[in-house]
């Protein structure tokens, strides 16, 4: 059985872009770093993170989740992933700074967004790492 839980993808978009994000429509994404927090609680567990890596590499072109549209953009780099073997997606997302798209990754909860934005990965890591470390089972 594959272990699952909560994960945060750390992405870098070097130049601003306007992207179509599925049913959310077109949105402007400023240049900088992004943290997307999601859950991998089903039978495949963190296999979902492997899928996100394939999308970011350009090896998988199906866009299913909101993050696929950002991660799959040719200029976006997936630079790190933080995982925790706990069901804490909303708790982690709420501990992070706001992002530019309301409802991003949050269509099944009452969070404003599960996408955070900052100028640098270091600035986001300063918030992501403690949010995950406060939970049991944090893994970098």
N, C-alpha and C. Protein backbone atom coordinates (compact mmCIF):
# COMPACT_ATOMS: atom_id res chain seq x y z
N UNK A 1 0.85 -1.19 0.00
CA UNK A 1 0.00 0.00 0.00
C UNK A 1 0.89 1.24 0.00
N UNK A 2 0.57 2.23 -0.83
CA UNK A 2 1.33 3.46 -0.92
C UNK A 2 0.85 4.43 0.15
N UNK A 3 1.81 5.04 0.82
CA UNK A 3 1.48 6.03 1.83
C UNK A 3 1.06 7.33 1.16
N UNK A 4 0.09 7.98 1.73
CA UNK A 4 -0.36 9.25 1.20
C UNK A 4 -0.45 10.29 2.29
N UNK A 5 -0.98 11.43 1.95
CA UNK A 5 -1.12 12.52 2.90
C UNK A 5 -1.26 13.84 2.18
N UNK A 6 -0.54 14.84 2.68
CA UNK A 6 -0.58 16.19 2.15
C UNK A 6 0.75 16.51 1.51
N UNK A 7 0.71 17.24 0.40
CA UNK A 7 1.95 17.62 -0.27
C UNK A 7 1.88 19.09 -0.68
N UNK A 8 3.04 19.71 -0.79
CA UNK A 8 3.16 21.05 -1.33
C UNK A 8 4.22 21.04 -2.42
N UNK A 9 3.82 21.46 -3.61
CA UNK A 9 4.74 21.60 -4.73
C UNK A 9 5.28 23.01 -4.73
N UNK A 10 6.58 23.16 -4.84
CA UNK A 10 7.20 24.48 -4.96
C UNK A 10 7.61 24.66 -6.42
N UNK A 11 7.05 25.68 -7.04
CA UNK A 11 7.23 25.94 -8.47
C UNK A 11 7.79 27.34 -8.68
N UNK A 12 8.51 27.51 -9.78
CA UNK A 12 9.01 28.83 -10.15
C UNK A 12 8.52 29.16 -11.55
N UNK A 13 7.95 30.35 -11.69
CA UNK A 13 7.53 30.89 -12.97
C UNK A 13 8.41 32.13 -13.21
N UNK A 14 9.43 32.04 -14.09
CA UNK A 14 10.39 33.13 -14.22
C UNK A 14 9.84 34.41 -14.84
N UNK A 15 8.80 34.29 -15.63
CA UNK A 15 8.18 35.46 -16.27
C UNK A 15 6.67 35.40 -16.07
N UNK A 16 6.06 36.54 -15.93
CA UNK A 16 4.60 36.59 -15.78
C UNK A 16 3.94 35.92 -16.97
N UNK A 17 2.78 35.32 -16.72
CA UNK A 17 2.05 34.64 -17.78
C UNK A 17 0.55 34.71 -17.51
N UNK A 18 -0.21 34.71 -18.56
CA UNK A 18 -1.66 34.58 -18.45
C UNK A 18 -1.99 33.16 -18.90
N UNK A 19 -2.63 32.41 -18.00
CA UNK A 19 -2.90 31.00 -18.26
C UNK A 19 -4.39 30.71 -18.12
N UNK A 20 -4.89 29.85 -18.97
CA UNK A 20 -6.25 29.32 -18.82
C UNK A 20 -6.16 28.20 -17.80
N UNK A 21 -6.99 28.27 -16.76
CA UNK A 21 -6.97 27.30 -15.67
C UNK A 21 -8.32 26.59 -15.62
N UNK A 22 -8.54 25.71 -16.58
CA UNK A 22 -9.78 24.93 -16.61
C UNK A 22 -11.00 25.80 -16.45
N UNK A 23 -11.91 25.36 -15.60
CA UNK A 23 -13.17 26.07 -15.37
C UNK A 23 -12.99 27.42 -14.70
N UNK A 24 -11.81 27.69 -14.12
CA UNK A 24 -11.56 28.99 -13.50
C UNK A 24 -11.29 30.08 -14.53
N UNK A 25 -11.06 29.68 -15.78
CA UNK A 25 -10.82 30.65 -16.84
C UNK A 25 -9.39 31.17 -16.86
N UNK A 26 -9.18 32.26 -17.60
CA UNK A 26 -7.85 32.85 -17.72
C UNK A 26 -7.52 33.71 -16.52
N UNK A 27 -6.25 33.59 -16.08
CA UNK A 27 -5.77 34.36 -14.94
C UNK A 27 -4.33 34.78 -15.17
N UNK A 28 -3.99 35.94 -14.61
CA UNK A 28 -2.61 36.45 -14.68
C UNK A 28 -1.81 35.86 -13.52
N UNK A 29 -0.65 35.32 -13.82
CA UNK A 29 0.27 34.77 -12.82
C UNK A 29 1.54 35.61 -12.86
N UNK A 30 1.79 36.40 -11.81
CA UNK A 30 3.03 37.18 -11.77
C UNK A 30 4.25 36.26 -11.72
N UNK A 31 5.38 36.76 -12.18
CA UNK A 31 6.62 36.00 -12.06
C UNK A 31 6.90 35.77 -10.58
N UNK A 32 7.58 34.67 -10.28
CA UNK A 32 7.95 34.39 -8.89
C UNK A 32 7.79 32.92 -8.56
N UNK A 33 7.66 32.68 -7.27
CA UNK A 33 7.54 31.31 -6.76
C UNK A 33 6.11 31.04 -6.33
N UNK A 34 5.72 29.78 -6.49
CA UNK A 34 4.38 29.34 -6.13
C UNK A 34 4.46 28.08 -5.29
N UNK A 35 3.54 27.98 -4.35
CA UNK A 35 3.40 26.76 -3.54
C UNK A 35 1.96 26.29 -3.71
N UNK A 36 1.82 25.09 -4.24
CA UNK A 36 0.50 24.50 -4.39
C UNK A 36 0.38 23.36 -3.39
N UNK A 37 -0.63 23.39 -2.56
CA UNK A 37 -0.85 22.36 -1.56
C UNK A 37 -2.04 21.51 -1.95
N UNK A 38 -1.83 20.21 -1.95
CA UNK A 38 -2.87 19.26 -2.32
C UNK A 38 -2.85 18.05 -1.42
N UNK A 39 -3.77 17.13 -1.68
CA UNK A 39 -3.82 15.91 -0.89
C UNK A 39 -3.69 14.70 -1.80
N UNK A 40 -3.13 13.67 -1.25
CA UNK A 40 -2.95 12.40 -1.96
C UNK A 40 -3.38 11.31 -0.99
N UNK A 41 -4.68 11.22 -0.78
CA UNK A 41 -5.20 10.32 0.25
C UNK A 41 -5.82 9.05 -0.31
N UNK A 42 -5.94 8.95 -1.61
CA UNK A 42 -6.55 7.77 -2.21
C UNK A 42 -5.62 6.57 -2.20
N UNK A 43 -6.03 5.54 -2.89
CA UNK A 43 -5.27 4.28 -2.89
C UNK A 43 -3.88 4.44 -3.47
N UNK A 44 -3.65 5.40 -4.38
CA UNK A 44 -2.33 5.60 -4.96
C UNK A 44 -1.41 6.44 -4.11
N UNK A 45 -1.96 7.14 -3.13
CA UNK A 45 -1.14 7.97 -2.24
C UNK A 45 -0.31 8.98 -3.00
N UNK A 46 0.97 9.06 -2.64
CA UNK A 46 1.86 10.06 -3.21
C UNK A 46 2.25 9.79 -4.65
N UNK A 47 1.67 8.76 -5.28
CA UNK A 47 1.85 8.56 -6.71
C UNK A 47 1.38 9.81 -7.46
N UNK A 48 0.42 10.51 -6.89
CA UNK A 48 -0.08 11.75 -7.50
C UNK A 48 1.05 12.76 -7.67
N UNK A 49 1.97 12.81 -6.73
CA UNK A 49 3.10 13.74 -6.84
C UNK A 49 3.96 13.36 -8.05
N UNK A 50 4.15 12.07 -8.27
CA UNK A 50 4.90 11.63 -9.45
C UNK A 50 4.22 12.10 -10.73
N UNK A 51 2.89 12.07 -10.75
CA UNK A 51 2.16 12.56 -11.91
C UNK A 51 2.42 14.05 -12.12
N UNK A 52 2.39 14.83 -11.03
CA UNK A 52 2.67 16.27 -11.13
C UNK A 52 4.07 16.50 -11.68
N UNK A 53 5.03 15.68 -11.27
CA UNK A 53 6.40 15.80 -11.80
C UNK A 53 6.43 15.53 -13.31
N UNK A 54 5.69 14.54 -13.76
CA UNK A 54 5.64 14.24 -15.20
C UNK A 54 5.02 15.40 -15.97
N UNK A 55 3.96 16.00 -15.43
CA UNK A 55 3.33 17.15 -16.08
C UNK A 55 4.34 18.29 -16.17
N UNK A 56 5.05 18.56 -15.08
CA UNK A 56 6.03 19.66 -15.06
C UNK A 56 7.19 19.41 -16.04
N UNK A 57 7.57 18.16 -16.23
CA UNK A 57 8.64 17.82 -17.18
C UNK A 57 8.17 17.84 -18.63
N UNK A 58 6.86 17.88 -18.82
CA UNK A 58 6.31 17.83 -20.17
C UNK A 58 6.09 16.41 -20.67
N UNK A 59 6.20 15.43 -19.77
CA UNK A 59 6.02 14.03 -20.14
C UNK A 59 4.56 13.57 -20.07
N UNK A 60 3.67 14.43 -19.60
CA UNK A 60 2.25 14.08 -19.44
C UNK A 60 1.46 15.35 -19.76
N UNK A 61 0.63 15.31 -20.77
CA UNK A 61 -0.04 16.55 -21.18
C UNK A 61 -1.52 16.63 -20.82
N UNK A 62 -2.03 15.69 -20.06
CA UNK A 62 -3.43 15.76 -19.63
C UNK A 62 -3.54 16.75 -18.47
N UNK A 63 -4.47 17.69 -18.60
CA UNK A 63 -4.69 18.69 -17.55
C UNK A 63 -5.97 18.31 -16.81
N UNK A 64 -5.81 17.81 -15.60
CA UNK A 64 -6.96 17.36 -14.80
C UNK A 64 -7.21 18.30 -13.62
N UNK A 65 -6.17 18.66 -12.90
CA UNK A 65 -6.29 19.54 -11.73
C UNK A 65 -5.82 20.94 -12.08
N UNK A 66 -6.26 21.93 -11.30
CA UNK A 66 -5.86 23.31 -11.54
C UNK A 66 -4.35 23.44 -11.65
N UNK A 67 -3.61 22.77 -10.77
CA UNK A 67 -2.15 22.91 -10.76
C UNK A 67 -1.52 22.41 -12.05
N UNK A 68 -2.18 21.53 -12.76
CA UNK A 68 -1.63 21.04 -14.03
C UNK A 68 -1.43 22.18 -15.03
N UNK A 69 -2.28 23.18 -14.99
CA UNK A 69 -2.18 24.28 -15.94
C UNK A 69 -0.97 25.17 -15.64
N UNK A 70 -0.64 25.33 -14.38
CA UNK A 70 0.56 26.09 -14.00
C UNK A 70 1.81 25.24 -14.15
N UNK A 71 1.80 24.04 -13.60
CA UNK A 71 2.98 23.17 -13.66
C UNK A 71 3.31 22.78 -15.10
N UNK A 72 2.30 22.66 -15.94
CA UNK A 72 2.51 22.25 -17.32
C UNK A 72 2.91 23.37 -18.26
N UNK A 73 2.93 24.60 -17.76
CA UNK A 73 3.38 25.72 -18.58
C UNK A 73 4.87 25.53 -18.88
N UNK A 74 5.30 25.71 -20.12
CA UNK A 74 6.69 25.40 -20.49
C UNK A 74 7.75 26.14 -19.67
N UNK A 75 7.44 27.33 -19.17
CA UNK A 75 8.44 28.09 -18.42
C UNK A 75 8.46 27.74 -16.92
N UNK A 76 7.48 27.01 -16.44
CA UNK A 76 7.40 26.68 -15.02
C UNK A 76 8.34 25.54 -14.68
N UNK A 77 9.05 25.69 -13.56
CA UNK A 77 9.92 24.63 -13.04
C UNK A 77 9.39 24.15 -11.69
N UNK A 78 9.28 22.84 -11.53
CA UNK A 78 8.96 22.24 -10.23
C UNK A 78 10.29 22.03 -9.53
N UNK A 79 10.53 22.78 -8.45
CA UNK A 79 11.86 22.77 -7.83
C UNK A 79 11.93 21.97 -6.53
N UNK A 80 10.80 21.71 -5.89
CA UNK A 80 10.84 20.95 -4.64
C UNK A 80 9.43 20.46 -4.31
N UNK A 81 9.38 19.43 -3.49
CA UNK A 81 8.11 18.89 -2.99
C UNK A 81 8.29 18.59 -1.52
N UNK A 82 7.33 19.01 -0.70
CA UNK A 82 7.31 18.69 0.72
C UNK A 82 6.08 17.84 0.96
N UNK A 83 6.25 16.71 1.65
CA UNK A 83 5.12 15.82 1.92
C UNK A 83 4.98 15.57 3.42
N UNK A 84 3.77 15.27 3.81
CA UNK A 84 3.45 14.92 5.19
C UNK A 84 2.41 13.81 5.17
N UNK A 85 2.65 12.77 5.93
CA UNK A 85 1.71 11.65 6.00
C UNK A 85 0.57 12.00 6.96
N UNK A 86 -0.18 13.05 6.60
CA UNK A 86 -1.31 13.50 7.41
C UNK A 86 -2.33 14.16 6.48
N UNK A 87 -3.57 14.12 6.87
CA UNK A 87 -4.65 14.77 6.13
C UNK A 87 -4.76 16.21 6.62
N UNK A 88 -3.97 17.12 6.03
CA UNK A 88 -3.90 18.49 6.52
C UNK A 88 -3.80 19.51 5.39
N UNK A 89 -4.35 19.18 4.25
CA UNK A 89 -4.26 20.04 3.07
C UNK A 89 -4.70 21.47 3.35
N UNK A 90 -5.86 21.66 3.91
CA UNK A 90 -6.38 23.00 4.16
C UNK A 90 -5.57 23.71 5.24
N UNK A 91 -5.17 22.99 6.25
CA UNK A 91 -4.37 23.60 7.33
C UNK A 91 -3.06 24.15 6.78
N UNK A 92 -2.38 23.39 5.93
CA UNK A 92 -1.13 23.86 5.34
C UNK A 92 -1.41 25.03 4.40
N UNK A 93 -2.40 24.91 3.53
CA UNK A 93 -2.71 25.98 2.56
C UNK A 93 -3.02 27.29 3.27
N UNK A 94 -3.73 27.23 4.38
CA UNK A 94 -4.10 28.46 5.12
C UNK A 94 -2.92 29.09 5.83
N UNK A 95 -1.83 28.35 6.02
CA UNK A 95 -0.63 28.88 6.67
C UNK A 95 0.28 29.62 5.68
N UNK A 96 -0.07 29.61 4.42
CA UNK A 96 0.77 30.19 3.38
C UNK A 96 0.21 31.52 2.90
N UNK A 97 1.06 32.35 2.26
CA UNK A 97 0.58 33.63 1.76
C UNK A 97 -0.45 33.44 0.64
N UNK A 98 -1.22 34.47 0.35
CA UNK A 98 -2.24 34.34 -0.70
C UNK A 98 -1.63 34.20 -2.08
N UNK A 99 -2.41 33.63 -2.97
CA UNK A 99 -2.01 33.49 -4.37
C UNK A 99 -2.89 34.35 -5.25
N UNK A 100 -2.60 34.37 -6.55
CA UNK A 100 -3.32 35.27 -7.45
C UNK A 100 -4.66 34.77 -7.98
N UNK A 101 -5.02 33.51 -7.66
CA UNK A 101 -6.24 32.96 -8.24
C UNK A 101 -7.14 32.39 -7.15
N UNK A 102 -8.25 33.07 -6.91
CA UNK A 102 -9.22 32.59 -5.92
C UNK A 102 -9.82 31.27 -6.40
N UNK A 103 -9.93 30.31 -5.50
CA UNK A 103 -10.52 29.02 -5.81
C UNK A 103 -9.56 28.00 -6.38
N UNK A 104 -8.31 28.39 -6.62
CA UNK A 104 -7.32 27.50 -7.22
C UNK A 104 -7.05 26.31 -6.29
N UNK A 105 -7.40 25.13 -6.75
CA UNK A 105 -7.19 23.92 -5.97
C UNK A 105 -8.11 23.77 -4.78
N UNK A 106 -9.08 24.64 -4.67
CA UNK A 106 -9.95 24.65 -3.49
C UNK A 106 -11.42 24.48 -3.85
N UNK A 107 -11.68 23.72 -4.91
CA UNK A 107 -13.07 23.57 -5.33
C UNK A 107 -13.87 22.64 -4.44
N UNK A 108 -13.18 21.89 -3.58
CA UNK A 108 -13.90 20.95 -2.70
C UNK A 108 -13.81 21.33 -1.23
N UNK A 109 -13.48 22.60 -0.95
CA UNK A 109 -13.41 23.06 0.45
C UNK A 109 -13.78 24.54 0.49
N UNK A 110 -13.69 25.15 1.67
CA UNK A 110 -14.05 26.56 1.78
C UNK A 110 -12.82 27.48 1.87
N UNK A 111 -11.64 26.97 1.52
CA UNK A 111 -10.43 27.80 1.49
C UNK A 111 -10.52 28.80 0.34
N UNK A 112 -9.86 29.94 0.50
CA UNK A 112 -9.81 30.92 -0.56
C UNK A 112 -9.03 30.37 -1.75
N UNK A 113 -7.91 29.67 -1.48
CA UNK A 113 -7.07 29.12 -2.53
C UNK A 113 -6.08 28.15 -1.90
N UNK A 114 -5.59 27.22 -2.71
CA UNK A 114 -4.51 26.33 -2.26
C UNK A 114 -3.22 26.64 -3.00
N UNK A 115 -3.18 27.83 -3.62
CA UNK A 115 -1.99 28.29 -4.33
C UNK A 115 -1.48 29.56 -3.68
N UNK A 116 -0.23 29.51 -3.24
CA UNK A 116 0.42 30.67 -2.62
C UNK A 116 1.44 31.25 -3.59
N UNK A 117 1.75 32.52 -3.41
CA UNK A 117 2.74 33.19 -4.27
C UNK A 117 3.68 34.02 -3.41
N UNK A 118 4.94 34.06 -3.81
CA UNK A 118 5.95 34.92 -3.19
C UNK A 118 7.00 35.22 -4.25
N UNK A 119 7.90 36.14 -3.93
CA UNK A 119 8.93 36.50 -4.90
C UNK A 119 9.97 35.41 -5.09
N UNK A 120 10.19 34.58 -4.07
CA UNK A 120 11.24 33.56 -4.18
C UNK A 120 10.82 32.26 -3.50
N UNK A 121 11.47 31.18 -3.90
CA UNK A 121 11.24 29.88 -3.28
C UNK A 121 11.65 29.94 -1.81
N UNK A 122 12.74 30.64 -1.52
CA UNK A 122 13.20 30.76 -0.13
C UNK A 122 12.12 31.39 0.75
N UNK A 123 11.46 32.43 0.24
CA UNK A 123 10.40 33.09 1.01
C UNK A 123 9.23 32.14 1.26
N UNK A 124 8.89 31.33 0.27
CA UNK A 124 7.80 30.36 0.46
C UNK A 124 8.22 29.23 1.39
N UNK A 125 9.45 28.75 1.23
CA UNK A 125 9.94 27.65 2.08
C UNK A 125 9.90 28.04 3.56
N UNK A 126 10.13 29.31 3.85
CA UNK A 126 10.07 29.79 5.23
C UNK A 126 8.68 29.60 5.84
N UNK A 127 7.67 29.47 5.01
CA UNK A 127 6.31 29.24 5.49
C UNK A 127 5.88 27.78 5.30
N UNK A 128 6.29 27.17 4.18
CA UNK A 128 5.90 25.79 3.88
C UNK A 128 6.52 24.82 4.87
N UNK A 129 7.81 24.94 5.10
CA UNK A 129 8.50 23.99 5.98
C UNK A 129 7.89 23.94 7.38
N UNK A 130 7.68 25.08 8.05
CA UNK A 130 7.06 25.02 9.38
C UNK A 130 5.62 24.50 9.36
N UNK A 131 4.88 24.82 8.30
CA UNK A 131 3.49 24.34 8.20
C UNK A 131 3.46 22.81 8.16
N UNK A 132 4.38 22.22 7.42
CA UNK A 132 4.45 20.75 7.35
C UNK A 132 5.10 20.18 8.61
N UNK A 133 6.12 20.85 9.12
CA UNK A 133 6.83 20.33 10.30
C UNK A 133 5.94 20.28 11.53
N UNK A 134 4.91 21.11 11.57
CA UNK A 134 4.00 21.12 12.71
C UNK A 134 3.11 19.89 12.75
N UNK A 135 3.14 19.11 11.66
CA UNK A 135 2.31 17.92 11.53
C UNK A 135 3.17 16.68 11.73
N UNK A 136 2.58 15.58 12.11
CA UNK A 136 3.31 14.32 12.20
C UNK A 136 3.60 13.81 10.79
N UNK A 137 4.79 13.25 10.62
CA UNK A 137 5.11 12.57 9.37
C UNK A 137 5.67 13.46 8.29
N UNK A 138 6.21 14.65 8.62
CA UNK A 138 6.76 15.53 7.60
C UNK A 138 7.99 14.91 6.97
N UNK A 139 8.11 15.10 5.66
CA UNK A 139 9.20 14.52 4.91
C UNK A 139 9.58 15.46 3.77
N UNK A 140 10.83 15.74 3.59
CA UNK A 140 11.26 16.65 2.52
C UNK A 140 11.89 15.89 1.40
